[in-house]
């Protein structure tokens, strides 16, 4: 996984001679840096790019998931296996997407809003 636009801590300038205080500060800076890289959700990253996922793979723009996949949920799968679960949209789309459409759930119904603004209920709740 690569962190997009990750901000690292600036390293201190070394003194002319060995200084134990400087060395401890330097090591602490490196510890913080590597702790951020090791964290599951580093705060300094603007976005993330991954080539592999737990329980699936990502190749050539396609995502393959082993097990269930959730959008806005990690528990709502109706006791299914190998299914896609979607939570209700917290805010339904109110503007028209350009050159495509938006798929979302509203009150349990699967809906699609196209670029012309037409909202189609694909499956009722």
Protein backbone atom coordinates (compact mmCIF):
# COMPACT_ATOMS: atom_id res chain seq x y z
CA UNK A 1 0.00 0.00 0.00
CA UNK A 2 1.24 3.50 -0.78
CA UNK A 3 0.19 6.65 1.04
CA UNK A 4 -0.62 9.51 -1.31
CA UNK A 5 0.85 12.87 -0.27
CA UNK A 6 2.17 11.49 3.03
CA UNK A 7 3.76 14.22 5.17
CA UNK A 8 6.87 13.05 6.98
CA UNK A 9 8.41 14.70 10.03
CA UNK A 10 11.36 16.98 9.21
CA UNK A 11 14.65 15.60 10.48
CA UNK A 12 16.79 17.81 12.74
CA UNK A 13 20.10 19.17 11.50
CA UNK A 14 23.06 17.27 13.01
CA UNK A 15 25.55 19.03 15.28
CA UNK A 16 29.24 19.21 14.39
CA UNK A 17 30.11 16.70 17.12
CA UNK A 18 28.31 13.65 18.51
CA UNK A 19 25.61 14.75 20.93
CA UNK A 20 23.57 12.14 22.86
CA UNK A 21 20.59 14.53 23.18
CA UNK A 22 20.53 15.13 19.42
CA UNK A 23 20.83 11.41 18.75
CA UNK A 24 17.86 10.64 21.04
CA UNK A 25 15.77 13.36 19.30
CA UNK A 26 16.77 11.98 15.91
CA UNK A 27 15.76 8.42 16.88
CA UNK A 28 12.46 9.68 18.32
CA UNK A 29 11.69 11.49 15.04
CA UNK A 30 12.35 8.26 13.12
CA UNK A 31 10.17 6.30 15.57
CA UNK A 32 7.28 8.71 15.00
CA UNK A 33 7.75 8.52 11.23
CA UNK A 34 7.75 4.71 11.12
CA UNK A 35 4.86 4.50 13.60
CA UNK A 36 2.80 6.64 11.19
CA UNK A 37 3.72 4.36 8.30
CA UNK A 38 2.79 1.27 10.33
CA UNK A 39 -0.53 2.69 11.57
CA UNK A 40 -3.70 1.35 9.95
CA UNK A 41 -5.05 4.89 9.50
CA UNK A 42 -2.20 7.42 9.37
CA UNK A 43 -3.55 10.92 9.96
CA UNK A 44 -1.05 12.63 7.68
CA UNK A 45 -2.08 10.80 4.50
CA UNK A 46 -4.46 12.56 2.12
CA UNK A 47 -5.43 9.35 0.32
CA UNK A 48 -4.34 5.73 0.00
CA UNK A 49 -3.49 3.50 -2.94
CA UNK A 50 -3.46 -0.27 -2.53
CA UNK A 51 -2.66 -3.18 -4.80
CA UNK A 52 -3.87 -5.89 -2.42
CA UNK A 53 -6.64 -6.08 0.15
CA UNK A 54 -7.33 -8.44 3.01
CA UNK A 55 -9.79 -10.99 1.67
CA UNK A 56 -9.38 -9.96 -1.97
CA UNK A 57 -7.17 -8.58 -4.71
CA UNK A 58 -7.06 -5.47 -6.86
CA UNK A 59 -5.73 -5.65 -10.39
CA UNK A 60 -6.26 -3.60 -13.53
CA UNK A 61 -9.04 -1.46 -12.08
CA UNK A 62 -11.09 -4.44 -10.85
CA UNK A 63 -11.67 -5.37 -7.24
CA UNK A 64 -12.11 -9.03 -6.33
CA UNK A 65 -13.41 -9.65 -2.81
CA UNK A 66 -13.45 -12.98 -1.04
CA UNK A 67 -16.40 -12.94 1.36
CA UNK A 68 -18.72 -9.95 1.77
CA UNK A 69 -18.11 -6.36 0.69
CA UNK A 70 -19.80 -3.40 2.31
CA UNK A 71 -20.42 0.22 1.32
CA UNK A 72 -21.08 2.18 4.48
CA UNK A 73 -21.48 -1.05 6.47
CA UNK A 74 -19.39 -3.93 7.69
CA UNK A 75 -22.23 -5.95 9.25
CA UNK A 76 -25.41 -5.67 7.14
CA UNK A 77 -25.29 -8.65 4.78
CA UNK A 78 -28.61 -10.36 5.57
CA UNK A 79 -26.81 -13.56 6.60
CA UNK A 80 -25.50 -13.83 3.03
CA UNK A 81 -22.06 -14.91 1.91
CA UNK A 82 -20.27 -13.40 -1.08
CA UNK A 83 -22.70 -10.46 -1.17
CA UNK A 84 -22.47 -6.67 -1.45
CA UNK A 85 -24.14 -4.77 1.39
CA UNK A 86 -24.96 -1.08 1.15
CA UNK A 87 -26.15 1.18 3.95
CA UNK A 88 -28.71 3.93 3.43
CA UNK A 89 -27.14 7.08 2.03
CA UNK A 90 -26.54 9.59 4.79
CA UNK A 91 -27.27 12.34 2.23
CA UNK A 92 -29.04 11.47 -1.01
CA UNK A 93 -27.65 13.11 -4.17
CA UNK A 94 -29.41 16.37 -5.06
CA UNK A 95 -27.34 17.43 -8.07
CA UNK A 96 -26.82 15.64 -11.34
CA UNK A 97 -23.55 13.75 -11.88
CA UNK A 98 -21.69 14.65 -15.04
CA UNK A 99 -21.13 11.88 -17.56
CA UNK A 100 -22.38 9.03 -15.40
CA UNK A 101 -24.66 8.19 -12.54
CA UNK A 102 -24.89 7.58 -8.82
CA UNK A 103 -26.09 4.35 -7.23
CA UNK A 104 -27.37 4.66 -3.64
CA UNK A 105 -29.78 3.29 -1.03
CA UNK A 106 -32.66 5.40 0.35
CA UNK A 107 -34.91 3.93 3.05
CA UNK A 108 -33.81 0.47 1.97
CA UNK A 109 -34.62 0.99 -1.74
CA UNK A 110 -31.87 0.76 -4.37
CA UNK A 111 -31.89 3.93 -6.51
CA UNK A 112 -29.96 5.36 -9.43
CA UNK A 113 -29.63 9.05 -10.35
CA UNK A 114 -28.44 9.65 -13.90
CA UNK A 115 -26.77 12.66 -15.45
CA UNK A 116 -30.15 14.02 -16.64
CA UNK A 117 -31.44 14.04 -13.05
CA UNK A 118 -33.83 11.13 -13.43
CA UNK A 119 -34.03 9.05 -10.25
CA UNK A 120 -34.94 5.42 -10.90
CA UNK A 121 -35.89 2.97 -8.17
CA UNK A 122 -34.18 -0.26 -9.22
CA UNK A 123 -35.43 -2.33 -6.28
CA UNK A 124 -37.99 -1.34 -3.65
CA UNK A 125 -37.22 -1.79 0.04
